[in-house]
Amino acid sequence: MTSIIHCVVGIVFCLCLTFEAISACCPPDQFEGFRYQKMIDIAKNDPYPQVGIDALRFHYDFENEKTLEQFYFNGVLMTQITLYQKGLRYNIMKGKCTFFDISWPLHRRCLPKNARFIGSMTFGDQVMDYYESVYDKTYAVIEEIVTHKDCIPLTNITIMKSYVDSMAAITQPGAFDIRIFANVSVGIKDPTIFDPPSDCQRVVYPIMTSQ
């Protein structure tokens, strides 16, 4: 009887490990590419309810806790370098560089453990997995397609009952956020991109605890 119990416990333990392994989908330690993002306000009766649009080049280094994002801000190209281990963010615009302190950590862009696997699909020789997840029942539903091999994001659709407008510092009603990733590759081709200019000027903002 004891041996049977041990066997059952062993099987359950193995099943738990298997479930944990397939339920945690994380991208590589380092990857880079291009992202198109559009947020739509779904609470207003606006025929063109666009809240924000963003196209950016990104480089994510989770191993060394560094990121670089390059995008247009008010029509001006901005390069934003964040060094999380040092707690610093650098903004480079029109050849001028400023930096300031941050206090939030770099969150690895993994699918949440409650993500529900919907199915797989193929495009050419690329196998893709489709997941649905809920971060918070009062907040958002996430629909995401990732590569089967590396869990690299391809598309991400978020339906939010509310969102935080960082520019207005207020919580706005619901929105629909779409992100499409392209030309994504594993690794960082040029690690020196995370090196900020030497002539950066420190600026002081109110304490920022999140992005």
N, C-alpha and C. Protein backbone atom coordinates (compact mmCIF):
# COMPACT_ATOMS: atom_id res chain seq x y z
N MET A 1 0.83 -1.21 0.00
CA MET A 1 0.00 0.00 0.00
C MET A 1 0.86 1.25 0.00
N THR A 2 1.93 1.18 0.82
CA THR A 2 2.84 2.34 0.90
C THR A 2 3.48 2.64 -0.44
N SER A 3 3.89 1.55 -1.14
CA SER A 3 4.53 1.75 -2.43
C SER A 3 3.56 2.34 -3.44
N ILE A 4 2.27 1.95 -3.34
CA ILE A 4 1.27 2.51 -4.25
C ILE A 4 1.09 4.00 -4.00
N ILE A 5 1.04 4.37 -2.71
CA ILE A 5 0.90 5.78 -2.36
C ILE A 5 2.08 6.58 -2.88
N HIS A 6 3.29 6.02 -2.70
CA HIS A 6 4.49 6.70 -3.20
C HIS A 6 4.43 6.88 -4.70
N CYS A 7 3.90 5.83 -5.38
CA CYS A 7 3.81 5.90 -6.83
C CYS A 7 2.83 6.98 -7.27
N VAL A 8 1.67 7.03 -6.59
CA VAL A 8 0.67 8.04 -6.91
C VAL A 8 1.20 9.43 -6.67
N VAL A 9 1.87 9.63 -5.51
CA VAL A 9 2.46 10.93 -5.20
C VAL A 9 3.47 11.32 -6.25
N GLY A 10 4.28 10.34 -6.67
CA GLY A 10 5.29 10.62 -7.69
C GLY A 10 4.67 11.04 -9.00
N ILE A 11 3.57 10.37 -9.39
CA ILE A 11 2.90 10.72 -10.64
C ILE A 11 2.32 12.11 -10.57
N VAL A 12 1.64 12.44 -9.45
CA VAL A 12 1.06 13.76 -9.27
C VAL A 12 2.14 14.83 -9.32
N PHE A 13 3.29 14.56 -8.67
CA PHE A 13 4.40 15.50 -8.64
C PHE A 13 4.90 15.75 -10.05
N CYS A 14 5.04 14.69 -10.85
CA CYS A 14 5.51 14.84 -12.22
C CYS A 14 4.52 15.63 -13.06
N LEU A 15 3.22 15.34 -12.85
CA LEU A 15 2.21 16.08 -13.60
C LEU A 15 2.24 17.56 -13.27
N CYS A 16 2.46 17.88 -11.98
CA CYS A 16 2.54 19.29 -11.57
C CYS A 16 3.71 19.98 -12.23
N LEU A 17 4.86 19.27 -12.28
CA LEU A 17 6.03 19.85 -12.92
C LEU A 17 5.79 20.07 -14.41
N THR A 18 5.12 19.11 -15.04
CA THR A 18 4.84 19.24 -16.47
C THR A 18 3.91 20.41 -16.74
N PHE A 19 2.88 20.56 -15.92
CA PHE A 19 1.93 21.66 -16.09
C PHE A 19 2.61 23.00 -15.90
N GLU A 20 3.48 23.08 -14.88
CA GLU A 20 4.18 24.32 -14.62
C GLU A 20 5.08 24.69 -15.78
N ALA A 21 5.71 23.66 -16.38
CA ALA A 21 6.65 23.92 -17.47
C ALA A 21 5.92 24.46 -18.69
N ILE A 22 4.74 23.88 -19.01
CA ILE A 22 4.05 24.32 -20.22
C ILE A 22 3.22 25.58 -19.99
N SER A 23 2.99 25.93 -18.72
CA SER A 23 2.15 27.09 -18.46
C SER A 23 2.95 28.38 -18.35
N ALA A 24 4.28 28.28 -18.19
CA ALA A 24 5.12 29.46 -18.10
C ALA A 24 5.83 29.65 -19.43
N CYS A 25 5.36 30.60 -20.22
CA CYS A 25 5.95 30.86 -21.53
C CYS A 25 6.67 32.20 -21.48
N CYS A 26 7.97 32.16 -21.61
CA CYS A 26 8.77 33.38 -21.52
C CYS A 26 9.62 33.55 -22.78
N PRO A 27 9.79 34.77 -23.25
CA PRO A 27 10.64 35.02 -24.41
C PRO A 27 12.11 34.83 -24.05
N PRO A 28 13.01 34.88 -25.03
CA PRO A 28 14.44 34.73 -24.74
C PRO A 28 14.96 35.84 -23.82
N ASP A 29 16.15 35.62 -23.26
CA ASP A 29 16.76 36.63 -22.40
C ASP A 29 17.03 37.92 -23.16
N GLN A 30 17.32 37.80 -24.44
CA GLN A 30 17.62 38.97 -25.26
C GLN A 30 16.92 38.83 -26.61
N PHE A 31 16.18 39.87 -27.01
CA PHE A 31 15.62 39.89 -28.36
C PHE A 31 15.34 41.33 -28.75
N GLU A 32 15.23 41.56 -30.05
CA GLU A 32 15.05 42.92 -30.55
C GLU A 32 14.24 42.89 -31.84
N GLY A 33 13.67 44.03 -32.18
CA GLY A 33 12.86 44.10 -33.38
C GLY A 33 12.09 45.40 -33.47
N PHE A 34 10.90 45.32 -34.06
CA PHE A 34 10.08 46.50 -34.33
C PHE A 34 8.67 46.23 -33.81
N ARG A 35 8.04 47.25 -33.23
CA ARG A 35 6.70 47.08 -32.69
C ARG A 35 5.81 48.23 -33.12
N TYR A 36 4.61 47.88 -33.58
CA TYR A 36 3.58 48.87 -33.90
C TYR A 36 2.49 48.75 -32.84
N GLN A 37 2.08 49.88 -32.29
CA GLN A 37 1.09 49.85 -31.21
C GLN A 37 0.04 50.92 -31.44
N LYS A 38 -1.23 50.56 -31.18
CA LYS A 38 -2.33 51.50 -31.32
C LYS A 38 -3.31 51.26 -30.18
N MET A 39 -3.69 52.35 -29.50
CA MET A 39 -4.68 52.25 -28.44
C MET A 39 -5.94 52.98 -28.87
N ILE A 40 -7.08 52.33 -28.69
CA ILE A 40 -8.37 52.87 -29.11
C ILE A 40 -9.28 53.00 -27.90
N ASP A 41 -9.88 54.17 -27.74
CA ASP A 41 -10.83 54.40 -26.66
C ASP A 41 -12.17 53.77 -27.05
N ILE A 42 -12.62 52.78 -26.27
CA ILE A 42 -13.87 52.10 -26.61
C ILE A 42 -15.04 52.61 -25.79
N ALA A 43 -14.80 53.66 -25.00
CA ALA A 43 -15.86 54.17 -24.14
C ALA A 43 -16.60 55.35 -24.76
N LYS A 44 -16.05 55.92 -25.83
CA LYS A 44 -16.66 57.10 -26.45
C LYS A 44 -17.25 56.74 -27.81
N ASN A 45 -18.26 57.45 -28.21
CA ASN A 45 -18.89 57.23 -29.51
C ASN A 45 -18.20 58.07 -30.57
N ASP A 46 -16.94 57.83 -30.74
CA ASP A 46 -16.13 58.57 -31.68
C ASP A 46 -15.88 57.69 -32.90
N PRO A 47 -16.18 58.15 -34.12
CA PRO A 47 -15.94 57.31 -35.30
C PRO A 47 -14.47 57.02 -35.51
N TYR A 48 -13.58 57.85 -34.96
CA TYR A 48 -12.15 57.61 -35.02
C TYR A 48 -11.58 57.71 -33.60
N PRO A 49 -11.86 56.69 -32.78
CA PRO A 49 -11.55 56.79 -31.35
C PRO A 49 -10.11 56.43 -30.99
N GLN A 50 -9.16 57.00 -31.70
CA GLN A 50 -7.77 56.68 -31.44
C GLN A 50 -7.24 57.47 -30.25
N VAL A 51 -6.68 56.77 -29.28
CA VAL A 51 -6.08 57.42 -28.12
C VAL A 51 -4.60 57.67 -28.36
N GLY A 52 -3.93 56.70 -28.88
CA GLY A 52 -2.50 56.87 -29.11
C GLY A 52 -2.01 55.90 -30.17
N ILE A 53 -0.95 56.28 -30.85
CA ILE A 53 -0.36 55.41 -31.86
C ILE A 53 1.15 55.48 -31.70
N ASP A 54 1.80 54.35 -31.85
CA ASP A 54 3.22 54.31 -31.55
C ASP A 54 3.88 53.24 -32.41
N ALA A 55 4.93 53.60 -33.08
CA ALA A 55 5.74 52.64 -33.81
C ALA A 55 7.16 52.79 -33.28
N LEU A 56 7.75 51.70 -32.86
CA LEU A 56 9.07 51.83 -32.23
C LEU A 56 9.97 50.66 -32.54
N ARG A 57 11.25 50.95 -32.43
CA ARG A 57 12.28 49.92 -32.51
C ARG A 57 12.65 49.59 -31.07
N PHE A 58 12.76 48.31 -30.76
CA PHE A 58 13.04 47.94 -29.38
C PHE A 58 14.18 46.93 -29.29
N HIS A 59 14.86 46.97 -28.16
CA HIS A 59 15.92 46.02 -27.82
C HIS A 59 15.75 45.68 -26.34
N TYR A 60 15.48 44.42 -26.03
CA TYR A 60 15.25 44.01 -24.65
C TYR A 60 16.34 43.04 -24.22
N ASP A 61 17.01 43.39 -23.13
CA ASP A 61 18.06 42.55 -22.56
C ASP A 61 17.69 42.26 -21.11
N PHE A 62 17.00 41.14 -20.89
CA PHE A 62 16.57 40.80 -19.54
C PHE A 62 17.72 40.24 -18.71
N GLU A 63 18.70 39.69 -19.38
CA GLU A 63 19.86 39.12 -18.67
C GLU A 63 20.63 40.20 -17.94
N ASN A 64 20.85 41.34 -18.59
CA ASN A 64 21.59 42.45 -17.99
C ASN A 64 20.70 43.60 -17.55
N GLU A 65 19.38 43.39 -17.65
CA GLU A 65 18.38 44.37 -17.19
C GLU A 65 18.57 45.74 -17.87
N LYS A 66 18.53 45.70 -19.20
CA LYS A 66 18.66 46.92 -19.99
C LYS A 66 17.62 46.89 -21.11
N THR A 67 17.07 48.05 -21.46
CA THR A 67 16.18 48.14 -22.60
C THR A 67 16.49 49.42 -23.39
N LEU A 68 16.20 49.36 -24.66
CA LEU A 68 16.26 50.55 -25.51
C LEU A 68 15.02 50.55 -26.38
N GLU A 69 14.33 51.69 -26.40
CA GLU A 69 13.17 51.87 -27.27
C GLU A 69 13.33 53.18 -28.02
N GLN A 70 13.06 53.14 -29.30
CA GLN A 70 13.20 54.33 -30.14
C GLN A 70 11.87 54.60 -30.83
N PHE A 71 11.33 55.80 -30.64
CA PHE A 71 10.01 56.11 -31.16
C PHE A 71 9.90 57.62 -31.39
N TYR A 72 8.78 58.04 -31.98
CA TYR A 72 8.56 59.46 -32.22
C TYR A 72 7.68 60.05 -31.13
N PHE A 73 8.13 61.15 -30.54
CA PHE A 73 7.40 61.84 -29.47
C PHE A 73 7.14 63.27 -29.93
N ASN A 74 5.86 63.59 -30.16
CA ASN A 74 5.48 64.91 -30.70
C ASN A 74 6.23 65.20 -32.00
N GLY A 75 6.35 64.18 -32.83
CA GLY A 75 6.98 64.35 -34.12
C GLY A 75 8.49 64.34 -34.11
N VAL A 76 9.09 64.13 -32.93
CA VAL A 76 10.55 64.13 -32.82
C VAL A 76 11.02 62.74 -32.41
N LEU A 77 12.04 62.24 -33.08
CA LEU A 77 12.57 60.92 -32.77
C LEU A 77 13.23 60.92 -31.39
N MET A 78 12.79 60.00 -30.54
CA MET A 78 13.38 59.88 -29.20
C MET A 78 13.98 58.49 -29.03
N THR A 79 15.14 58.45 -28.44
CA THR A 79 15.77 57.19 -28.04
C THR A 79 15.74 57.13 -26.52
N GLN A 80 15.19 56.05 -25.98
CA GLN A 80 15.03 55.93 -24.53
C GLN A 80 15.79 54.68 -24.07
N ILE A 81 16.81 54.90 -23.27
CA ILE A 81 17.63 53.82 -22.72
C ILE A 81 17.34 53.71 -21.23
N THR A 82 17.04 52.51 -20.77
CA THR A 82 16.77 52.29 -19.35
C THR A 82 17.73 51.25 -18.81
N LEU A 83 18.48 51.63 -17.79
CA LEU A 83 19.42 50.73 -17.11
C LEU A 83 18.84 50.41 -15.73
N TYR A 84 18.16 49.29 -15.63
CA TYR A 84 17.39 48.99 -14.42
C TYR A 84 18.28 48.70 -13.22
N GLN A 85 19.44 48.09 -13.43
CA GLN A 85 20.32 47.81 -12.29
C GLN A 85 20.83 49.09 -11.65
N LYS A 86 20.99 50.13 -12.45
CA LYS A 86 21.44 51.42 -11.93
C LYS A 86 20.27 52.33 -11.54
N GLY A 87 19.06 51.95 -11.94
CA GLY A 87 17.89 52.76 -11.63
C GLY A 87 17.88 54.08 -12.39
N LEU A 88 18.26 54.05 -13.68
CA LEU A 88 18.36 55.27 -14.48
C LEU A 88 17.68 55.11 -15.82
N ARG A 89 17.04 56.18 -16.28
CA ARG A 89 16.47 56.22 -17.62
C ARG A 89 17.00 57.44 -18.37
N TYR A 90 17.44 57.23 -19.61
CA TYR A 90 18.01 58.28 -20.45
C TYR A 90 17.08 58.57 -21.63
N ASN A 91 16.80 59.85 -21.86
CA ASN A 91 16.03 60.28 -23.02
C ASN A 91 16.92 61.11 -23.94
N ILE A 92 16.99 60.71 -25.19
CA ILE A 92 17.85 61.40 -26.15
C ILE A 92 16.98 61.93 -27.28
N MET A 93 16.94 63.27 -27.43
CA MET A 93 16.14 63.92 -28.47
C MET A 93 16.94 65.07 -29.07
N LYS A 94 16.95 65.14 -30.39
CA LYS A 94 17.62 66.23 -31.11
C LYS A 94 19.06 66.42 -30.64
N GLY A 95 19.73 65.32 -30.38
CA GLY A 95 21.13 65.37 -29.97
C GLY A 95 21.35 65.73 -28.52
N LYS A 96 20.28 66.00 -27.76
CA LYS A 96 20.39 66.34 -26.35
C LYS A 96 19.97 65.16 -25.49
N CYS A 97 20.68 64.95 -24.40
CA CYS A 97 20.43 63.80 -23.53
C CYS A 97 20.16 64.26 -22.10
N THR A 98 19.08 63.72 -21.53
CA THR A 98 18.77 63.93 -20.12
C THR A 98 18.55 62.57 -19.48
N PHE A 99 18.74 62.50 -18.16
CA PHE A 99 18.47 61.24 -17.48
C PHE A 99 17.89 61.53 -16.10
N PHE A 100 17.18 60.53 -15.56
CA PHE A 100 16.56 60.68 -14.25
C PHE A 100 16.46 59.33 -13.57
N ASP A 101 16.16 59.37 -12.29
CA ASP A 101 16.08 58.15 -11.48
C ASP A 101 14.73 57.46 -11.66
N ILE A 102 14.75 56.14 -11.65
CA ILE A 102 13.52 55.35 -11.63
C ILE A 102 13.64 54.33 -10.49
N SER A 103 12.50 53.80 -10.07
CA SER A 103 12.55 52.85 -8.96
C SER A 103 11.77 51.56 -9.24
N TRP A 104 11.28 51.38 -10.47
CA TRP A 104 10.55 50.15 -10.76
C TRP A 104 11.48 49.12 -11.39
N PRO A 105 11.21 47.84 -11.21
CA PRO A 105 12.05 46.79 -11.78
C PRO A 105 11.69 46.51 -13.24
N LEU A 106 12.57 45.80 -13.91
CA LEU A 106 12.29 45.34 -15.27
C LEU A 106 11.49 44.05 -15.17
N HIS A 107 10.28 44.07 -15.72
CA HIS A 107 9.43 42.89 -15.69
C HIS A 107 9.64 42.07 -16.96
N ARG A 108 9.99 40.82 -16.75
CA ARG A 108 10.16 39.93 -17.89
C ARG A 108 8.81 39.75 -18.58
N ARG A 109 8.80 39.83 -19.88
CA ARG A 109 7.55 39.83 -20.64
C ARG A 109 7.06 38.40 -20.90
N CYS A 110 6.75 37.70 -19.81
CA CYS A 110 6.25 36.33 -19.90
C CYS A 110 4.72 36.33 -19.97
N LEU A 111 4.17 35.30 -20.58
CA LEU A 111 2.74 35.10 -20.49
C LEU A 111 2.40 34.73 -19.06
N PRO A 112 1.31 35.26 -18.51
CA PRO A 112 0.96 34.93 -17.13
C PRO A 112 0.65 33.44 -16.98
N LYS A 113 0.81 32.94 -15.76
CA LYS A 113 0.61 31.52 -15.52
C LYS A 113 -0.83 31.08 -15.75
N ASN A 114 -1.76 32.03 -15.70
CA ASN A 114 -3.16 31.66 -15.92
C ASN A 114 -3.55 31.70 -17.40
N ALA A 115 -2.54 31.89 -18.27
CA ALA A 115 -2.84 31.95 -19.71
C ALA A 115 -3.45 30.63 -20.18
N ARG A 116 -4.51 30.74 -20.96
CA ARG A 116 -5.19 29.55 -21.45
C ARG A 116 -4.78 29.31 -22.90
N PHE A 117 -4.25 28.12 -23.17
CA PHE A 117 -3.81 27.77 -24.52
C PHE A 117 -5.03 27.52 -25.39
N ILE A 118 -5.15 28.30 -26.48
CA ILE A 118 -6.29 28.16 -27.37
C ILE A 118 -5.99 27.18 -28.50
N GLY A 119 -4.80 27.28 -29.06
CA GLY A 119 -4.43 26.38 -30.15
C GLY A 119 -3.20 26.86 -30.88
N SER A 120 -2.77 26.08 -31.85
CA SER A 120 -1.60 26.41 -32.65
C SER A 120 -1.99 26.64 -34.10
N MET A 121 -1.16 27.36 -34.82
CA MET A 121 -1.38 27.63 -36.23
C MET A 121 -0.02 27.72 -36.92
N THR A 122 -0.02 27.62 -38.22
CA THR A 122 1.24 27.72 -38.96
C THR A 122 1.13 28.78 -40.05
N PHE A 123 2.25 29.42 -40.31
CA PHE A 123 2.36 30.37 -41.41
C PHE A 123 3.68 30.06 -42.09
N GLY A 124 3.61 29.37 -43.24
CA GLY A 124 4.82 28.85 -43.83
C GLY A 124 5.38 27.76 -42.94
N ASP A 125 6.64 27.90 -42.55
CA ASP A 125 7.23 26.92 -41.63
C ASP A 125 7.25 27.42 -40.18
N GLN A 126 6.56 28.55 -39.92
CA GLN A 126 6.51 29.11 -38.56
C GLN A 126 5.30 28.56 -37.81
N VAL A 127 5.56 27.96 -36.65
CA VAL A 127 4.48 27.47 -35.80
C VAL A 127 4.21 28.52 -34.72
N MET A 128 2.93 28.89 -34.56
CA MET A 128 2.55 29.94 -33.62
C MET A 128 1.51 29.41 -32.64
N ASP A 129 1.58 29.87 -31.39
CA ASP A 129 0.64 29.46 -30.36
C ASP A 129 -0.24 30.64 -29.96
N TYR A 130 -1.50 30.36 -29.73
CA TYR A 130 -2.49 31.39 -29.40
C TYR A 130 -2.95 31.19 -27.96
N TYR A 131 -2.82 32.25 -27.14
CA TYR A 131 -3.17 32.19 -25.73
C TYR A 131 -4.18 33.29 -25.39
N GLU A 132 -4.96 33.03 -24.36
CA GLU A 132 -5.84 34.03 -23.79
C GLU A 132 -5.62 34.05 -22.29
N SER A 133 -5.58 35.22 -21.70
CA SER A 133 -5.35 35.31 -20.25
C SER A 133 -6.06 36.53 -19.68
N VAL A 134 -6.26 36.51 -18.38
CA VAL A 134 -6.86 37.62 -17.66
C VAL A 134 -5.92 38.01 -16.53
N TYR A 135 -5.35 39.21 -16.63
CA TYR A 135 -4.47 39.68 -15.56
C TYR A 135 -5.27 40.02 -14.32
N ASP A 136 -6.39 40.66 -14.51
CA ASP A 136 -7.26 41.08 -13.42
C ASP A 136 -8.67 41.16 -13.98
N LYS A 137 -9.62 40.51 -13.33
CA LYS A 137 -10.98 40.47 -13.85
C LYS A 137 -11.59 41.86 -14.02
N THR A 138 -11.10 42.82 -13.25
CA THR A 138 -11.62 44.18 -13.37
C THR A 138 -10.79 45.02 -14.33
N TYR A 139 -9.74 44.42 -14.91
CA TYR A 139 -8.82 45.24 -15.69
C TYR A 139 -8.73 44.84 -17.16
N ALA A 140 -8.18 43.64 -17.45
CA ALA A 140 -7.86 43.39 -18.85
C ALA A 140 -7.95 41.92 -19.23
N VAL A 141 -8.29 41.71 -20.49
CA VAL A 141 -8.21 40.40 -21.11
C VAL A 141 -7.13 40.50 -22.19
N ILE A 142 -6.24 39.53 -22.21
CA ILE A 142 -5.12 39.56 -23.14
C ILE A 142 -5.27 38.43 -24.15
N GLU A 143 -5.20 38.77 -25.43
CA GLU A 143 -5.13 37.77 -26.50
C GLU A 143 -3.74 37.91 -27.10
N GLU A 144 -2.98 36.81 -27.12
CA GLU A 144 -1.60 36.93 -27.57
C GLU A 144 -1.21 35.73 -28.43
N ILE A 145 -0.47 36.04 -29.52
CA ILE A 145 0.09 35.00 -30.37
C ILE A 145 1.61 35.09 -30.27
N VAL A 146 2.24 33.96 -29.96
CA VAL A 146 3.69 33.91 -29.79
C VAL A 146 4.25 32.78 -30.64
N THR A 147 5.55 32.85 -30.93
CA THR A 147 6.18 31.75 -31.66
C THR A 147 6.24 30.53 -30.75
N HIS A 148 6.01 29.37 -31.33
CA HIS A 148 5.99 28.13 -30.54
C HIS A 148 7.38 27.81 -29.98
N LYS A 149 8.41 28.08 -30.76
CA LYS A 149 9.77 27.70 -30.36
C LYS A 149 10.33 28.56 -29.25
N ASP A 150 10.19 29.90 -29.37
CA ASP A 150 10.87 30.81 -28.45
C ASP A 150 9.93 31.67 -27.61
N CYS A 151 8.61 31.57 -27.81
CA CYS A 151 7.65 32.41 -27.09
C CYS A 151 7.87 33.89 -27.38
N ILE A 152 8.33 34.20 -28.58
CA ILE A 152 8.51 35.60 -28.98
C ILE A 152 7.15 36.16 -29.40
N PRO A 153 6.74 37.32 -28.86
CA PRO A 153 5.44 37.87 -29.21
C PRO A 153 5.34 38.26 -30.68
N LEU A 154 4.19 37.96 -31.27
CA LEU A 154 3.90 38.37 -32.64
C LEU A 154 2.77 39.39 -32.67
N THR A 155 1.69 39.09 -31.96
CA THR A 155 0.61 40.05 -31.78
C THR A 155 0.12 40.00 -30.35
N ASN A 156 -0.35 41.14 -29.87
CA ASN A 156 -0.87 41.24 -28.51
C ASN A 156 -2.07 42.18 -28.54
N ILE A 157 -3.23 41.68 -28.12
CA ILE A 157 -4.44 42.49 -28.07
C ILE A 157 -4.93 42.53 -26.63
N THR A 158 -5.09 43.73 -26.09
CA THR A 158 -5.52 43.90 -24.71
C THR A 158 -6.82 44.67 -24.67
N ILE A 159 -7.80 44.12 -23.98
CA ILE A 159 -9.08 44.81 -23.78
C ILE A 159 -9.12 45.27 -22.33
N MET A 160 -9.15 46.58 -22.11
CA MET A 160 -9.06 47.14 -20.77
C MET A 160 -10.37 47.83 -20.37
N LYS A 161 -10.82 47.57 -19.17
CA LYS A 161 -11.98 48.29 -18.65
C LYS A 161 -11.60 49.71 -18.25
N SER A 162 -10.32 49.90 -17.96
CA SER A 162 -9.80 51.23 -17.65
C SER A 162 -8.30 51.21 -17.91
N TYR A 163 -7.71 52.38 -18.08
CA TYR A 163 -6.26 52.47 -18.25
C TYR A 163 -5.77 53.77 -17.66
N VAL A 164 -4.47 53.80 -17.32
CA VAL A 164 -3.88 54.98 -16.71
C VAL A 164 -3.25 55.84 -17.79
N ASP A 165 -3.74 57.06 -17.93
CA ASP A 165 -3.16 58.03 -18.86
C ASP A 165 -1.99 58.71 -18.16
N SER A 166 -0.77 58.29 -18.51
CA SER A 166 0.42 58.80 -17.81
C SER A 166 0.64 60.29 -18.08
N MET A 167 0.15 60.79 -19.23
CA MET A 167 0.34 62.20 -19.54
C MET A 167 -0.62 63.07 -18.72
N ALA A 168 -1.87 62.58 -18.55
CA ALA A 168 -2.85 63.36 -17.79
C ALA A 168 -2.89 62.96 -16.33
N ALA A 169 -2.18 61.86 -15.99
CA ALA A 169 -2.11 61.36 -14.61
C ALA A 169 -3.50 61.05 -14.05
N ILE A 170 -4.37 60.50 -14.90
CA ILE A 170 -5.70 60.11 -14.45
C ILE A 170 -6.05 58.75 -15.06
N THR A 171 -7.04 58.11 -14.48
CA THR A 171 -7.52 56.84 -15.01
C THR A 171 -8.66 57.10 -15.98
N GLN A 172 -8.51 56.62 -17.19
CA GLN A 172 -9.50 56.81 -18.23
C GLN A 172 -10.38 55.57 -18.35
N PRO A 173 -11.58 55.70 -18.94
CA PRO A 173 -12.41 54.52 -19.16
C PRO A 173 -11.80 53.58 -20.19
N GLY A 174 -12.51 52.51 -20.53
CA GLY A 174 -11.97 51.41 -21.30
C GLY A 174 -11.23 51.75 -22.58
N ALA A 175 -10.33 50.86 -22.96
CA ALA A 175 -9.56 51.03 -24.19
C ALA A 175 -9.21 49.67 -24.76
N PHE A 176 -8.83 49.71 -26.03
CA PHE A 176 -8.49 48.51 -26.79
C PHE A 176 -7.08 48.73 -27.31
N ASP A 177 -6.13 47.92 -26.89
CA ASP A 177 -4.72 48.12 -27.21
C ASP A 177 -4.24 47.00 -28.13
N ILE A 178 -3.67 47.37 -29.28
CA ILE A 178 -3.19 46.40 -30.26
C ILE A 178 -1.69 46.60 -30.45
N ARG A 179 -0.95 45.49 -30.38
CA ARG A 179 0.50 45.55 -30.63
C ARG A 179 0.87 44.47 -31.63
N ILE A 180 1.65 44.86 -32.64
CA ILE A 180 2.12 43.93 -33.66
C ILE A 180 3.64 44.00 -33.70
N PHE A 181 4.29 42.85 -33.63
CA PHE A 181 5.75 42.79 -33.62
C PHE A 181 6.24 42.27 -34.98
N ALA A 182 7.37 42.82 -35.43
CA ALA A 182 7.91 42.43 -36.74
C ALA A 182 9.43 42.42 -36.69
N ASN A 183 10.01 41.67 -37.60
CA ASN A 183 11.48 41.58 -37.74
C ASN A 183 12.16 41.31 -36.40
N VAL A 184 11.56 40.43 -35.62
CA VAL A 184 12.11 40.13 -34.30
C VAL A 184 13.19 39.06 -34.42
N SER A 185 14.31 39.28 -33.75
CA SER A 185 15.40 38.30 -33.77
C SER A 185 15.92 38.09 -32.35
N VAL A 186 16.44 36.91 -32.11
CA VAL A 186 16.97 36.56 -30.80
C VAL A 186 18.38 37.11 -30.65
N GLY A 187 18.68 37.65 -29.46
CA GLY A 187 20.00 38.21 -29.18
C GLY A 187 20.04 39.72 -29.40
N ILE A 188 21.17 40.31 -29.01
CA ILE A 188 21.42 41.74 -29.22
C ILE A 188 22.64 41.86 -30.12
N LYS A 189 22.44 42.36 -31.33
CA LYS A 189 23.54 42.41 -32.30
C LYS A 189 24.65 43.35 -31.85
N ASP A 190 24.27 44.49 -31.26
CA ASP A 190 25.25 45.50 -30.86
C ASP A 190 25.00 45.92 -29.41
N PRO A 191 25.68 45.29 -28.45
CA PRO A 191 25.46 45.61 -27.03
C PRO A 191 25.77 47.06 -26.66
N THR A 192 26.55 47.76 -27.50
CA THR A 192 26.93 49.14 -27.16
C THR A 192 25.76 50.11 -27.32
N ILE A 193 24.65 49.66 -27.88
CA ILE A 193 23.50 50.56 -28.03
C ILE A 193 22.96 50.99 -26.68
N PHE A 194 23.26 50.22 -25.63
CA PHE A 194 22.77 50.55 -24.29
C PHE A 194 23.69 51.54 -23.56
N ASP A 195 24.78 51.94 -24.21
CA ASP A 195 25.70 52.91 -23.60
C ASP A 195 25.18 54.32 -23.85
N PRO A 196 24.76 55.03 -22.82
CA PRO A 196 24.25 56.40 -23.02
C PRO A 196 25.39 57.37 -23.33
N PRO A 197 25.07 58.51 -23.94
CA PRO A 197 26.10 59.52 -24.19
C PRO A 197 26.73 59.98 -22.88
N SER A 198 27.97 60.41 -22.95
CA SER A 198 28.68 60.83 -21.74
C SER A 198 28.26 62.21 -21.26
N ASP A 199 27.66 63.01 -22.14
CA ASP A 199 27.30 64.39 -21.77
C ASP A 199 25.80 64.52 -21.50
N CYS A 200 25.28 63.66 -20.63
CA CYS A 200 23.86 63.72 -20.27
C CYS A 200 23.65 64.61 -19.05
N GLN A 201 22.56 65.31 -19.03
CA GLN A 201 22.22 66.21 -17.92
C GLN A 201 21.14 65.56 -17.06
N ARG A 202 21.38 65.52 -15.75
CA ARG A 202 20.40 64.94 -14.84
C ARG A 202 19.23 65.91 -14.65
N VAL A 203 18.02 65.36 -14.68
CA VAL A 203 16.82 66.15 -14.39
C VAL A 203 16.10 65.48 -13.22
N VAL A 204 15.34 66.27 -12.48
CA VAL A 204 14.67 65.76 -11.31
C VAL A 204 13.16 65.80 -11.54
N TYR A 205 12.53 64.64 -11.42
CA TYR A 205 11.08 64.52 -11.53
C TYR A 205 10.54 64.03 -10.20
N PRO A 206 9.22 64.13 -9.98
CA PRO A 206 8.63 63.48 -8.80
C PRO A 206 8.96 61.99 -8.84
N ILE A 207 9.05 61.37 -7.69
CA ILE A 207 9.45 59.95 -7.61
C ILE A 207 8.52 59.11 -8.47
N MET A 208 9.12 58.37 -9.40
CA MET A 208 8.35 57.51 -10.29
C MET A 208 8.52 56.07 -9.85
N THR A 209 7.40 55.41 -9.57
CA THR A 209 7.46 54.03 -9.08
C THR A 209 7.00 53.02 -10.11
N SER A 210 6.48 53.50 -11.24
CA SER A 210 6.06 52.58 -12.31
C SER A 210 6.14 53.32 -13.63
N GLN A 211 6.10 52.51 -14.73
CA GLN A 211 6.22 53.11 -16.05
C GLN A 211 4.93 53.79 -16.46
